[in-house]
C-alpha atoms as a PDB file:
ATOM      1  CA  MET A   1      -0.241  -0.010   0.663  1.00  0.00           C
ATOM      2  CA  ILE A   2       1.202   3.216  -0.709  1.00  0.00           C
ATOM      3  CA  ARG A   3       0.427   6.923   0.556  1.00  0.00           C
ATOM      4  CA  SER A   4       1.785   9.891  -0.756  1.00  0.00           C
ATOM      5  CA  LYS A   5       3.217  12.459   2.019  1.00  0.00           C
ATOM      6  CA  TYR A   6       2.292  16.145   0.934  1.00  0.00           C
ATOM      7  CA  GLY A   7       4.575  18.745   0.804  1.00  0.00           C
ATOM      8  CA  ALA A   8       5.392  21.328  -1.164  1.00  0.00           C
ATOM      9  CA  GLY A   9       8.341  24.799  -1.451  1.00  0.00           C
ATOM     10  CA  GLY A  10      11.134  25.490  -4.194  1.00  0.00           C
ATOM     11  CA  PHE A  11      14.173  25.844  -4.585  1.00  0.00           C
ATOM     12  CA  GLY A  12      14.972  27.174  -7.666  1.00  0.00           C
ATOM     13  CA  ALA A  13      15.133  31.178  -8.883  1.00  0.00           C
ATOM     14  CA  ASP A  14      12.831  32.325  -5.965  1.00  0.00           C
ATOM     15  CA  GLY A  15      14.267  30.608  -3.415  1.00  0.00           C
ATOM     16  CA  TYR A  16      13.597  27.703  -1.301  1.00  0.00           C
ATOM     17  CA  GLY A  17      10.061  26.081   1.280  1.00  0.00           C
ATOM     18  CA  THR A  18       9.093  23.965   3.364  1.00  0.00           C
ATOM     19  CA  ALA A  19       6.792  20.824   2.859  1.00  0.00           C
ATOM     20  CA  THR A  20       3.415  21.182   3.461  1.00  0.00           C
ATOM     21  CA  SER A  21       1.364  19.910   0.237  1.00  0.00           C
ATOM     22  CA  ASN A  22       2.377  16.941  -2.502  1.00  0.00           C
ATOM     23  CA  PHE A  23       6.011  17.169  -3.119  1.00  0.00           C
ATOM     24  CA  PHE A  24       9.027  18.454  -1.977  1.00  0.00           C
ATOM     25  CA  TRP A  25       9.935  21.746  -3.792  1.00  0.00           C
ATOM     26  CA  SER A  26       8.842  23.405  -7.603  1.00  0.00           C
ATOM     27  CA  THR A  27      11.419  25.128  -9.605  1.00  0.00           C
ATOM     28  CA  THR A  28      11.358  27.529 -12.298  1.00  0.00           C
ATOM     29  CA  ASP A  29      11.841  25.576 -16.271  1.00  0.00           C
ATOM     30  CA  ASP A  30      15.215  26.587 -16.570  1.00  0.00           C
ATOM     31  CA  GLU A  31      15.792  24.583 -13.622  1.00  0.00           C
ATOM     32  CA  ARG A  32      13.681  21.478 -14.473  1.00  0.00           C
ATOM     33  CA  PHE A  33      14.824  17.927 -14.156  1.00  0.00           C
ATOM     34  CA  GLN A  34      15.709  16.571 -17.339  1.00  0.00           C
ATOM     35  CA  TYR A  35      18.050  13.261 -17.452  1.00  0.00           C
ATOM     36  CA  ALA A  36      19.242  14.416 -14.118  1.00  0.00           C
ATOM     37  CA  ALA A  37      18.313  12.353 -11.057  1.00  0.00           C
ATOM     38  CA  ILE A  38      18.504  12.929  -7.173  1.00  0.00           C
ATOM     39  CA  ALA A  39      20.881  11.577  -4.291  1.00  0.00           C
ATOM     40  CA  SER A  40      20.265  10.902  -1.036  1.00  0.00           C
ATOM     41  CA  ASP A  41      21.817   9.750   2.633  1.00  0.00           C
ATOM     42  CA  SER A  42      20.176   8.839   5.811  1.00  0.00           C
ATOM     43  CA  ASP A  43      19.612  13.025   6.424  1.00  0.00           C
ATOM     44  CA  ALA A  44      18.701  14.946   3.174  1.00  0.00           C
ATOM     45  CA  VAL A  45      18.020  14.781  -0.630  1.00  0.00           C
ATOM     46  CA  TYR A  46      20.432  15.909  -2.571  1.00  0.00           C
ATOM     47  CA  ALA A  47      19.433  17.501  -6.557  1.00  0.00           C
ATOM     48  CA  ALA A  48      20.501  19.748  -8.963  1.00  0.00           C
ATOM     49  CA  GLY A  49      18.275  20.724 -12.204  1.00  0.00           C
ATOM     50  CA  LEU A  50      19.307  21.903 -15.425  1.00  0.00           C
ATOM     51  CA  GLY A  51      19.659  25.098 -13.817  1.00  0.00           C
ATOM     52  CA  THR A  52      22.881  26.323 -11.643  1.00  0.00           C
ATOM     53  CA  ALA A  53      21.217  25.675  -8.060  1.00  0.00           C
ATOM     54  CA  VAL A  54      22.544  22.116  -6.143  1.00  0.00           C
ATOM     55  CA  ALA A  55      20.196  21.795  -2.940  1.00  0.00           C
ATOM     56  CA  ALA A  56      20.345  19.310   0.176  1.00  0.00           C
ATOM     57  CA  VAL A  57      16.553  19.784   1.683  1.00  0.00           C
ATOM     58  CA  ASN A  58      15.873  17.510   5.255  1.00  0.00           C
ATOM     59  CA  LYS A  59      14.066  14.054   3.792  1.00  0.00           C
ATOM     60  CA  LEU A  60      11.806  14.207   6.524  1.00  0.00           C
ATOM     61  CA  SER A  61      10.426  17.553   7.276  1.00  0.00           C
ATOM     62  CA  GLY A  62      11.470  18.934   3.587  1.00  0.00           C
ATOM     63  CA  SER A  63      13.232  22.115   5.173  1.00  0.00           C
ATOM     64  CA  PRO A  64      16.120  22.921   2.946  1.00  0.00           C
ATOM     65  CA  THR A  65      19.235  22.770   4.075  1.00  0.00           C
ATOM     66  CA  TRP A  66      21.637  24.198   1.972  1.00  0.00           C
ATOM     67  CA  ARG A  67      21.739  25.948  -1.418  1.00  0.00           C
ATOM     68  CA  PHE A  68      25.216  25.917  -3.562  1.00  0.00           C
ATOM     69  CA  ASP A  69      24.896  28.073  -7.033  1.00  0.00           C
ATOM     70  CA  ARG A  70      27.402  26.709 -10.028  1.00  0.00           C
ATOM     71  CA  GLN A  71      28.274  28.537 -12.621  1.00  0.00           C
ATOM     72  CA  GLY A  72      26.606  27.344 -16.563  1.00  0.00           C
ATOM     73  CA  SER A  73      23.454  25.968 -15.931  1.00  0.00           C
ATOM     74  CA  LEU A  74      21.824  23.707 -19.011  1.00  0.00           C
ATOM     75  CA  VAL A  75      23.302  20.429 -18.099  1.00  0.00           C
ATOM     76  CA  ASP A  76      22.287  17.157 -16.419  1.00  0.00           C
ATOM     77  CA  SER A  77      24.809  15.971 -14.084  1.00  0.00           C
ATOM     78  CA  THR A  78      23.224  14.260 -11.490  1.00  0.00           C
ATOM     79  CA  PRO A  79      24.651  14.962  -8.083  1.00  0.00           C
ATOM     80  CA  THR A  80      26.616  11.778  -6.489  1.00  0.00           C
ATOM     81  CA  ILE A  81      27.800  11.330  -3.173  1.00  0.00           C
ATOM     82  CA  ASP A  82      30.133   9.903  -0.889  1.00  0.00           C
ATOM     83  CA  THR A  83      30.557   9.729   3.383  1.00  0.00           C
ATOM     84  CA  GLU A  84      32.565  13.745   3.190  1.00  0.00           C
ATOM     85  CA  ARG A  85      31.324  15.287  -0.235  1.00  0.00           C
ATOM     86  CA  LEU A  86      28.762  15.771  -2.991  1.00  0.00           C
ATOM     87  CA  TYR A  87      30.471  15.961  -6.300  1.00  0.00           C
ATOM     88  CA  VAL A  88      28.478  17.707  -9.545  1.00  0.00           C
ATOM     89  CA  GLY A  89      29.300  18.983 -13.077  1.00  0.00           C
ATOM     90  CA  SER A  90      28.100  22.190 -14.682  1.00  0.00           C
ATOM     91  CA  GLY A  91      27.538  24.151 -18.242  1.00  0.00           C
ATOM     92  CA  SER A  92      30.914  25.952 -17.140  1.00  0.00           C
ATOM     93  CA  GLY A  93      33.717  22.691 -17.316  1.00  0.00           C
ATOM     94  CA  THR A  94      33.778  23.112 -13.528  1.00  0.00           C
ATOM     95  CA  VAL A  95      33.561  19.893 -11.663  1.00  0.00           C
ATOM     96  CA  TYR A  96      33.047  20.935  -7.980  1.00  0.00           C
ATOM     97  CA  ALA A  97      33.326  18.550  -4.620  1.00  0.00           C
ATOM     98  CA  LEU A  98      30.957  20.665  -1.461  1.00  0.00           C
ATOM     99  CA  GLY A  99      30.532  19.470   1.809  1.00  0.00           C
ATOM    100  CA  LEU A 100      27.519  17.311   2.696  1.00  0.00           C
ATOM    101  CA  ASP A 101      27.002  19.637   5.536  1.00  0.00           C
ATOM    102  CA  ASP A 102      26.814  23.196   4.240  1.00  0.00           C
ATOM    103  CA  GLY A 103      27.164  23.032   0.249  1.00  0.00           C
ATOM    104  CA  ALA A 104      30.562  25.362   1.423  1.00  0.00           C
ATOM    105  CA  PRO A 105      32.837  23.819  -1.986  1.00  0.00           C
ATOM    106  CA  GLU A 106      35.964  22.340  -0.429  1.00  0.00           C
ATOM    107  CA  TRP A 107      37.333  22.192  -4.078  1.00  0.00           C
ATOM    108  CA  THR A 108      36.905  22.801  -7.857  1.00  0.00           C
ATOM    109  CA  ALA A 109      38.094  21.188 -10.858  1.00  0.00           C
ATOM    110  CA  ASP A 110      38.288  22.964 -14.221  1.00  0.00           C
ATOM    111  CA  ILE A 111      37.373  21.357 -17.468  1.00  0.00           C
ATOM    112  CA  ASP A 112      37.176  22.701 -20.858  1.00  0.00           C
ATOM    113  CA  SER A 113      34.083  21.350 -21.359  1.00  0.00           C
ATOM    114  CA  ALA A 114      30.733  21.387 -20.365  1.00  0.00           C
ATOM    115  CA  VAL A 115      30.076  18.179 -17.760  1.00  0.00           C
ATOM    116  CA  ALA A 116      26.294  17.191 -18.181  1.00  0.00           C
ATOM    117  CA  SER A 117      28.096  13.838 -16.931  1.00  0.00           C
ATOM    118  CA  SER A 118      27.085  12.077 -13.421  1.00  0.00           C
ATOM    119  CA  PRO A 119      30.317  11.756 -11.680  1.00  0.00           C
ATOM    120  CA  THR A 120      31.165   7.990 -10.344  1.00  0.00           C
ATOM    121  CA  VAL A 121      33.476   8.113  -7.716  1.00  0.00           C
ATOM    122  CA  ALA A 122      35.560   4.987  -6.587  1.00  0.00           C
ATOM    123  CA  SER A 123      38.572   4.377  -4.733  1.00  0.00           C
ATOM    124  CA  GLY A 124      39.137   7.902  -4.238  1.00  0.00           C
ATOM    125  CA  THR A 125      39.043   9.260  -7.872  1.00  0.00           C
ATOM    126  CA  VAL A 126      36.148  11.090  -9.210  1.00  0.00           C
ATOM    127  CA  PHE A 127      35.915  10.020 -12.738  1.00  0.00           C
ATOM    128  CA  VAL A 128      33.811  12.336 -14.945  1.00  0.00           C
ATOM    129  CA  GLY A 129      33.021  12.220 -18.588  1.00  0.00           C
ATOM    130  CA  THR A 130      32.514  16.084 -20.621  1.00  0.00           C
ATOM    131  CA  ASN A 131      30.839  17.410 -23.351  1.00  0.00           C
ATOM    132  CA  ASP A 132      33.822  17.483 -25.799  1.00  0.00           C
ATOM    133  CA  GLY A 133      33.970  13.525 -25.402  1.00  0.00           C
ATOM    134  CA  GLN A 134      37.090  13.289 -22.136  1.00  0.00           C
ATOM    135  CA  ILE A 135      36.805  11.450 -19.978  1.00  0.00           C
ATOM    136  CA  CYS A 136      38.896  13.020 -16.391  1.00  0.00           C
ATOM    137  CA  ALA A 137      39.854  11.130 -13.459  1.00  0.00           C
ATOM    138  CA  ILE A 138      40.102  13.675 -10.533  1.00  0.00           C
ATOM    139  CA  ASP A 139      42.065  13.323  -7.430  1.00  0.00           C
ATOM    140  CA  ALA A 140      38.629  13.393  -4.969  1.00  0.00           C
ATOM    141  CA  THR A 141      40.274  14.822  -2.266  1.00  0.00           C
ATOM    142  CA  SER A 142      42.107  17.409  -3.945  1.00  0.00           C
ATOM    143  CA  GLY A 143      40.299  18.145  -7.538  1.00  0.00           C
ATOM    144  CA  ALA A 144      44.165  17.531  -9.399  1.00  0.00           C
ATOM    145  CA  GLU A 145      43.515  16.073 -12.311  1.00  0.00           C
ATOM    146  CA  ILE A 146      45.059  12.271 -12.686  1.00  0.00           C
ATOM    147  CA  TRP A 147      44.740  11.786 -16.457  1.00  0.00           C
ATOM    148  CA  SER A 148      42.123  12.447 -18.989  1.00  0.00           C
ATOM    149  CA  ALA A 149      41.616  10.541 -22.413  1.00  0.00           C
ATOM    150  CA  VAL A 150      39.502  11.315 -25.216  1.00  0.00           C
ATOM    151  CA  VAL A 151      36.678   8.699 -26.327  1.00  0.00           C
ATOM    152  CA  GLY A 152      35.202  10.485 -29.006  1.00  0.00           C
ATOM    153  CA  ALA A 153      31.369  12.038 -29.324  1.00  0.00           C
ATOM    154  CA  SER A 154      30.019  13.933 -26.048  1.00  0.00           C
ATOM    155  CA  VAL A 155      29.971  11.489 -22.872  1.00  0.00           C
ATOM    156  CA  TYR A 156      26.905  12.207 -21.062  1.00  0.00           C
ATOM    157  CA  SER A 157      26.766   8.820 -19.639  1.00  0.00           C
ATOM    158  CA  ALA A 158      28.512   8.114 -15.780  1.00  0.00           C
ATOM    159  CA  PRO A 159      31.226   5.786 -16.240  1.00  0.00           C
ATOM    160  CA  ALA A 160      31.446   2.551 -14.208  1.00  0.00           C
ATOM    161  CA  THR A 161      34.447   1.034 -12.822  1.00  0.00           C
ATOM    162  CA  ASP A 162      35.549  -2.459 -11.234  1.00  0.00           C
ATOM    163  CA  GLY A 163      38.722  -1.408  -9.728  1.00  0.00           C
ATOM    164  CA  ALA A 164      40.987  -1.763 -13.064  1.00  0.00           C
ATOM    165  CA  THR A 165      39.338  -0.180 -15.747  1.00  0.00           C
ATOM    166  CA  VAL A 166      36.746   1.969 -16.072  1.00  0.00           C
ATOM    167  CA  TYR A 167      33.997   1.733 -18.999  1.00  0.00           C
ATOM    168  CA  VAL A 168      32.147   4.782 -20.732  1.00  0.00           C
ATOM    169  CA  THR A 169      29.736   5.215 -23.011  1.00  0.00           C
ATOM    170  CA  ALA A 170      29.734   7.809 -25.696  1.00  0.00           C
ATOM    171  CA  ALA A 171      27.104   9.765 -26.972  1.00  0.00           C
ATOM    172  CA  ASP A 172      27.542   8.497 -30.938  1.00  0.00           C
ATOM    173  CA  GLY A 173      27.646   4.596 -29.969  1.00  0.00           C
ATOM    174  CA  THR A 174      31.186   4.348 -29.172  1.00  0.00           C
ATOM    175  CA  VAL A 175      31.614   1.717 -25.395  1.00  0.00           C
ATOM    176  CA  ALA A 176      35.507   1.978 -24.472  1.00  0.00           C
ATOM    177  CA  ALA A 177      37.260   0.761 -21.260  1.00  0.00           C
ATOM    178  CA  LEU A 178      39.789   2.682 -20.444  1.00  0.00           C
ATOM    179  CA  SER A 179      42.762   1.869 -17.869  1.00  0.00           C
ATOM    180  CA  VAL A 180      41.846   3.431 -14.346  1.00  0.00           C
ATOM    181  CA  SER A 181      45.802   4.139 -13.542  1.00  0.00           C
ATOM    182  CA  ASP A 182      46.421   5.725 -16.583  1.00  0.00           C
ATOM    183  CA  GLY A 183      43.677   6.521 -19.207  1.00  0.00           C
ATOM    184  CA  ASP A 184      45.145   3.970 -22.021  1.00  0.00           C
ATOM    185  CA  GLU A 185      42.529   2.934 -24.477  1.00  0.00           C
ATOM    186  CA  ILE A 186      42.019  -1.286 -23.374  1.00  0.00           C
ATOM    187  CA  TRP A 187      38.970  -1.561 -25.842  1.00  0.00           C
ATOM    188  CA  SER A 188      36.523   0.692 -27.955  1.00  0.00           C
ATOM    189  CA  VAL A 189      33.099  -0.444 -29.803  1.00  0.00           C
ATOM    190  CA  ALA A 190      30.500   1.156 -31.286  1.00  0.00           C
ATOM    191  CA  VAL A 191      27.137  -0.299 -30.762  1.00  0.00           C
ATOM    192  CA  THR A 192      23.554   1.222 -32.306  1.00  0.00           C
ATOM    193  CA  ALA A 193      22.244   4.137 -30.813  1.00  0.00           C
ATOM    194  CA  ASP A 194      20.140   7.376 -31.680  1.00  0.00           C
ATOM    195  CA  THR A 195      21.988   9.525 -28.775  1.00  0.00           C
ATOM    196  CA  LEU A 196      23.571   6.821 -26.209  1.00  0.00           C
ATOM    197  CA  ARG A 197      23.530   8.423 -23.051  1.00  0.00           C
ATOM    198  CA  ALA A 198      22.605   5.314 -20.996  1.00  0.00           C
ATOM    199  CA  ASN A 199      24.703   4.742 -18.145  1.00  0.00           C
ATOM    200  CA  PRO A 200      27.466   1.522 -18.475  1.00  0.00           C
ATOM    201  CA  ILE A 201      26.705  -1.033 -15.665  1.00  0.00           C
ATOM    202  CA  VAL A 202      29.516  -3.479 -14.985  1.00  0.00           C
ATOM    203  CA  THR A 203      28.284  -6.843 -13.838  1.00  0.00           C
ATOM    204  CA  THR A 204      30.267 -10.259 -12.881  1.00  0.00           C
ATOM    205  CA  ALA A 205      29.276 -11.704 -16.387  1.00  0.00           C
ATOM    206  CA  GLY A 206      30.300  -8.621 -18.054  1.00  0.00           C
ATOM    207  CA  VAL A 207      29.101  -4.964 -18.744  1.00  0.00           C
ATOM    208  CA  VAL A 208      25.150  -4.277 -19.921  1.00  0.00           C
ATOM    209  CA  VAL A 209      24.774  -1.566 -22.322  1.00  0.00           C
ATOM    210  CA  ALA A 210      21.290  -0.273 -23.379  1.00  0.00           C
ATOM    211  CA  GLY A 211      21.915   1.324 -27.175  1.00  0.00           C
ATOM    212  CA  SER A 212      19.087   0.690 -29.154  1.00  0.00           C
ATOM    213  CA  ASP A 213      19.861  -2.808 -28.376  1.00  0.00           C
ATOM    214  CA  LEU A 214      20.338  -4.413 -24.915  1.00  0.00           C
ATOM    215  CA  GLN A 215      24.178  -6.371 -25.572  1.00  0.00           C
ATOM    216  CA  LEU A 216      26.348  -7.697 -23.004  1.00  0.00           C
ATOM    217  CA  LEU A 217      29.729  -6.670 -23.294  1.00  0.00           C
ATOM    218  CA  ASP A 218      33.137  -8.733 -22.782  1.00  0.00           C
ATOM    219  CA  THR A 219      35.334  -7.127 -20.327  1.00  0.00           C
ATOM    220  CA  GLU A 220      38.325  -8.135 -21.424  1.00  0.00           C
ATOM    221  CA  THR A 221      37.673  -7.547 -25.069  1.00  0.00           C
ATOM    222  CA  GLY A 222      34.172  -5.489 -25.460  1.00  0.00           C
ATOM    223  CA  ASP A 223      32.893  -8.321 -27.614  1.00  0.00           C
ATOM    224  CA  ALA A 224      29.325  -9.362 -27.540  1.00  0.00           C
ATOM    225  CA  LEU A 225      28.501 -12.052 -25.697  1.00  0.00           C
ATOM    226  CA  TRP A 226      24.789 -11.589 -26.456  1.00  0.00           C
ATOM    227  CA  THR A 227      22.765  -8.866 -27.866  1.00  0.00           C
ATOM    228  CA  LEU A 228      18.844  -8.958 -27.319  1.00  0.00           C
ATOM    229  CA  THR A 229      17.440  -6.464 -30.075  1.00  0.00           C
ATOM    230  CA  ALA A 230      15.378  -3.673 -29.399  1.00  0.00           C
ATOM    231  CA  ALA A 231      15.578  -3.947 -26.364  1.00  0.00           C
ATOM    232  CA  GLY A 232      17.238  -0.293 -25.497  1.00  0.00           C
ATOM    233  CA  SER A 233      16.087   3.242 -25.931  1.00  0.00           C
ATOM    234  CA  GLY A 234      19.804   4.473 -25.708  1.00  0.00           C
ATOM    235  CA  GLU A 235      19.171   6.821 -23.312  1.00  0.00           C
ATOM    236  CA  THR A 236      17.645   5.063 -20.252  1.00  0.00           C
ATOM    237  CA  THR A 237      19.608   2.775 -17.754  1.00  0.00           C
ATOM    238  CA  PRO A 238      18.629  -0.367 -16.842  1.00  0.00           C
ATOM    239  CA  LEU A 239      18.695  -1.474 -13.297  1.00  0.00           C
ATOM    240  CA  VAL A 240      20.761  -4.701 -13.061  1.00  0.00           C
ATOM    241  CA  ALA A 241      19.532  -6.641  -9.990  1.00  0.00           C
ATOM    242  CA  ASP A 242      19.874 -10.101  -8.489  1.00  0.00           C
ATOM    243  CA  GLY A 243      20.747 -11.060 -11.806  1.00  0.00           C
ATOM    244  CA  THR A 244      18.289  -9.746 -13.987  1.00  0.00           C
ATOM    245  CA  ILE A 245      18.769  -6.549 -16.261  1.00  0.00           C
ATOM    246  CA  TYR A 246      15.371  -4.588 -15.802  1.00  0.00           C
ATOM    247  CA  ALA A 247      15.597  -2.295 -19.085  1.00  0.00           C
ATOM    248  CA  THR A 248      12.913   0.134 -20.969  1.00  0.00           C
ATOM    249  CA  ASP A 249      12.932   0.184 -24.922  1.00  0.00           C
ATOM    250  CA  GLU A 250      11.864   2.912 -27.136  1.00  0.00           C
ATOM    251  CA  SER A 251       8.251   2.690 -27.044  1.00  0.00           C
ATOM    252  CA  GLY A 252       8.183   1.760 -22.962  1.00  0.00           C
ATOM    253  CA  ILE A 253       8.300  -1.892 -22.524  1.00  0.00           C
ATOM    254  CA  LEU A 254      10.145  -3.094 -19.864  1.00  0.00           C
ATOM    255  CA  ARG A 255      11.870  -6.389 -20.484  1.00  0.00           C
ATOM    256  CA  ALA A 256      13.097  -8.321 -17.409  1.00  0.00           C
ATOM    257  CA  VAL A 257      16.274 -10.270 -18.670  1.00  0.00           C
ATOM    258  CA  ALA A 258      19.191 -12.804 -17.463  1.00  0.00           C
ATOM    259  CA  VAL A 259      22.164 -11.304 -16.825  1.00  0.00           C
ATOM    260  CA  ASP A 260      24.183 -14.329 -18.265  1.00  0.00           C
ATOM    261  CA  SER A 261      22.298 -15.709 -20.768  1.00  0.00           C
ATOM    262  CA  GLY A 262      20.274 -12.499 -22.454  1.00  0.00           C
ATOM    263  CA  GLN A 263      16.823 -14.491 -22.441  1.00  0.00           C
ATOM    264  CA  ALA A 264      13.809 -11.898 -21.922  1.00  0.00           C
ATOM    265  CA  ASP A 265      11.881 -13.881 -18.537  1.00  0.00           C
ATOM    266  CA  TRP A 266       8.736 -11.266 -19.118  1.00  0.00           C
ATOM    267  CA  THR A 267       7.869  -8.216 -21.033  1.00  0.00           C
ATOM    268  CA  LEU A 268       5.403  -5.593 -19.351  1.00  0.00           C
ATOM    269  CA  THR A 269       3.990  -2.655 -22.201  1.00  0.00           C
ATOM    270  CA  LEU A 270       3.689  -0.213 -19.409  1.00  0.00           C
ATOM    271  CA  GLY A 271       1.427   2.256 -21.685  1.00  0.00           C
ATOM    272  CA  SER A 272       3.988   5.189 -22.307  1.00  0.00           C
ATOM    273  CA  THR A 273       8.007   6.172 -22.405  1.00  0.00           C
ATOM    274  CA  VAL A 274       9.899   6.031 -20.149  1.00  0.00           C
ATOM    275  CA  HIS A 275      13.569   7.785 -19.404  1.00  0.00           C
ATOM    276  CA  ALA A 276      13.722   6.937 -15.286  1.00  0.00           C
ATOM    277  CA  THR A 277      15.663   3.956 -14.054  1.00  0.00           C
ATOM    278  CA  PRO A 278      13.748   1.589 -12.523  1.00  0.00           C
ATOM    279  CA  LEU A 279      13.983   0.995  -8.343  1.00  0.00           C
ATOM    280  CA  LEU A 280      13.515  -1.881  -6.613  1.00  0.00           C
ATOM    281  CA  ASN A 281      13.061  -1.654  -3.112  1.00  0.00           C
ATOM    282  CA  ASP A 282      11.521  -3.749  -0.440  1.00  0.00           C
ATOM    283  CA  GLY A 283      11.292  -6.913  -2.979  1.00  0.00           C
ATOM    284  CA  ILE A 284       8.963  -4.464  -5.267  1.00  0.00           C
ATOM    285  CA  LEU A 285      10.067  -2.698  -8.781  1.00  0.00           C
ATOM    286  CA  TYR A 286       9.052   0.617  -9.168  1.00  0.00           C
ATOM    287  CA  VAL A 287       9.044   2.657 -12.668  1.00  0.00           C
ATOM    288  CA  GLY A 288       8.318   5.843 -13.492  1.00  0.00           C
ATOM    289  CA  THR A 289       6.119   6.785 -16.854  1.00  0.00           C
ATOM    290  CA  ASP A 290       6.482   9.953 -18.776  1.00  0.00           C
ATOM    291  CA  ASP A 291       2.889   9.897 -18.763  1.00  0.00           C
ATOM    292  CA  GLY A 292       3.337  10.967 -15.278  1.00  0.00           C
ATOM    293  CA  ASP A 293       2.753   7.553 -13.398  1.00  0.00           C
ATOM    294  CA  LEU A 294       4.677   5.459 -10.525  1.00  0.00           C
ATOM    295  CA  VAL A 295       3.850   1.905 -12.253  1.00  0.00           C
ATOM    296  CA  ALA A 296       4.440  -1.235  -8.663  1.00  0.00           C
ATOM    297  CA  ILE A 297       5.555  -4.183 -10.703  1.00  0.00           C
ATOM    298  CA  ASP A 298       6.163  -7.825  -9.328  1.00  0.00           C
ATOM    299  CA  PRO A 299       9.588  -8.041 -10.480  1.00  0.00           C
ATOM    300  CA  GLU A 300       9.365 -11.952 -10.544  1.00  0.00           C
ATOM    301  CA  THR A 301       6.618 -12.208 -12.447  1.00  0.00           C
ATOM    302  CA  GLY A 302       6.072  -8.834 -14.154  1.00  0.00           C
ATOM    303  CA  THR A 303       2.423  -8.412 -13.043  1.00  0.00           C
ATOM    304  CA  GLU A 304       1.557  -4.640 -12.080  1.00  0.00           C
ATOM    305  CA  THR A 305       0.239  -4.732  -9.449  1.00  0.00           C
ATOM    306  CA  ASP A 306      -0.797  -0.864  -8.561  1.00  0.00           C
ATOM    307  CA  ARG A 307      -0.408   2.746 -10.070  1.00  0.00           C
ATOM    308  CA  TRP A 308      -0.654   6.029  -9.174  1.00  0.00           C
ATOM    309  CA  GLN A 309      -0.717   9.230 -11.127  1.00  0.00           C
ATOM    310  CA  LEU A 310       2.010  12.022 -10.099  1.00  0.00           C
ATOM    311  CA  GLY A 311       2.038  14.570 -12.011  1.00  0.00           C
ATOM    312  CA  GLY A 312       4.559  15.511 -14.689  1.00  0.00           C
ATOM    313  CA  ARG A 313       7.121  13.110 -16.666  1.00  0.00           C
ATOM    314  CA  ILE A 314       9.104  11.443 -13.833  1.00  0.00           C
ATOM    315  CA  MET A 315      12.879  11.293 -14.222  1.00  0.00           C
ATOM    316  CA  THR A 316      15.126   8.647 -12.162  1.00  0.00           C
ATOM    317  CA  PRO A 317      13.972   8.140  -8.338  1.00  0.00           C
ATOM    318  CA  THR A 318      15.794   7.164  -5.092  1.00  0.00           C
ATOM    319  CA  VAL A 319      14.570   5.549  -2.213  1.00  0.00           C
ATOM    320  CA  VAL A 320      15.783   6.357   1.665  1.00  0.00           C
ATOM    321  CA  GLY A 321      14.168   3.879   4.212  1.00  0.00           C
ATOM    322  CA  SER A 322      10.442   3.310   3.212  1.00  0.00           C
ATOM    323  CA  THR A 323       9.923   6.662   1.225  1.00  0.00           C
ATOM    324  CA  ILE A 324      10.364   7.130  -2.102  1.00  0.00           C
ATOM    325  CA  TYR A 325      11.455  10.674  -3.823  1.00  0.00           C
ATOM    326  CA  ALA A 326      11.031  11.021  -7.220  1.00  0.00           C
ATOM    327  CA  PRO A 327      12.197  13.742  -9.071  1.00  0.00           C
ATOM    328  CA  THR A 328       9.686  15.247 -12.754  1.00  0.00           C
ATOM    329  CA  TRP A 329      10.722  17.135 -15.768  1.00  0.00           C
ATOM    330  CA  GLY A 330       8.876  20.396 -14.568  1.00  0.00           C
ATOM    331  CA  GLY A 331      11.142  20.797 -11.373  1.00  0.00           C
ATOM    332  CA  SER A 332       9.234  18.890  -8.326  1.00  0.00           C
ATOM    333  CA  ILE A 333      10.043  16.248  -6.472  1.00  0.00           C
ATOM    334  CA  ARG A 334       7.042  14.205  -5.619  1.00  0.00           C
ATOM    335  CA  VAL A 335       7.600  11.996  -2.235  1.00  0.00           C
ATOM    336  CA  VAL A 336       5.891   8.990  -1.708  1.00  0.00           C
ATOM    337  CA  ALA A 337       6.188   6.626   1.151  1.00  0.00           C
ATOM    338  CA  VAL A 338       5.372   2.703   0.477  1.00  0.00           C
END
């Protein structure tokens, strides 16, 4: 059973608000959530839309904790957090590391291109792509650049790493594997996609890539281990959990696909296109649609168990405990207790 928590407010150009109605905040059009998602920890929800603002909001009260304004807007960089900092890109070509407690900049790294990519943090290194086709490795403590490498077209996705190799997808369909230590290319292949924004996902079986087709690539060679034709969208990152890939295609069909074999266990027509990565919480799969529905699904059978109209295109949600925070294209964050 799901019930909505109601609250309203804003963190856009007009300032903050406190939760009292049916969403956490609303923003002006230039601060809307597009491909960017939100991050969360036990204390707060962290959001960055298409505008300049990065904000932290108390997850229980809806009260704003802090706000920081980046230089340069119109980027989709989703904030990434570790135990100390929030990392996010900007339209000006600056990567910011902000303190989680107060939003104060701890360091900035200037890159010669806008950064729509969402940073990935692993083993003390921040990996991030740029709109001019680079991937950069930055020291997470100091902000010093460790290395940079050219991979091709714009990198809108978040890189993935297994510790020794970093994997990246580029808008022209390039998928590349680079050495974590120095950025040297290990392999590079091309997949079919109108625009590839979906993040690569590293599994023990290989690298999951959702271009126009859904594929599993060999981590050592980049060779396709299996291909499920027309099962991806190129723009929507799948969810991988418990040996299963949950992926939506361009027509809004959701599939549960075995990672090892590429066999589709079930399919479900959602009735709308989807730009949100599915979310698995407490044995229920949730998918936000472009029509504004939050759909609850049995992950074992693919049976739709419930559907709620939240309003506005739903982007990738996050969950803290028993509460789902779902950003919308229009700039609000819907808060749903499960």
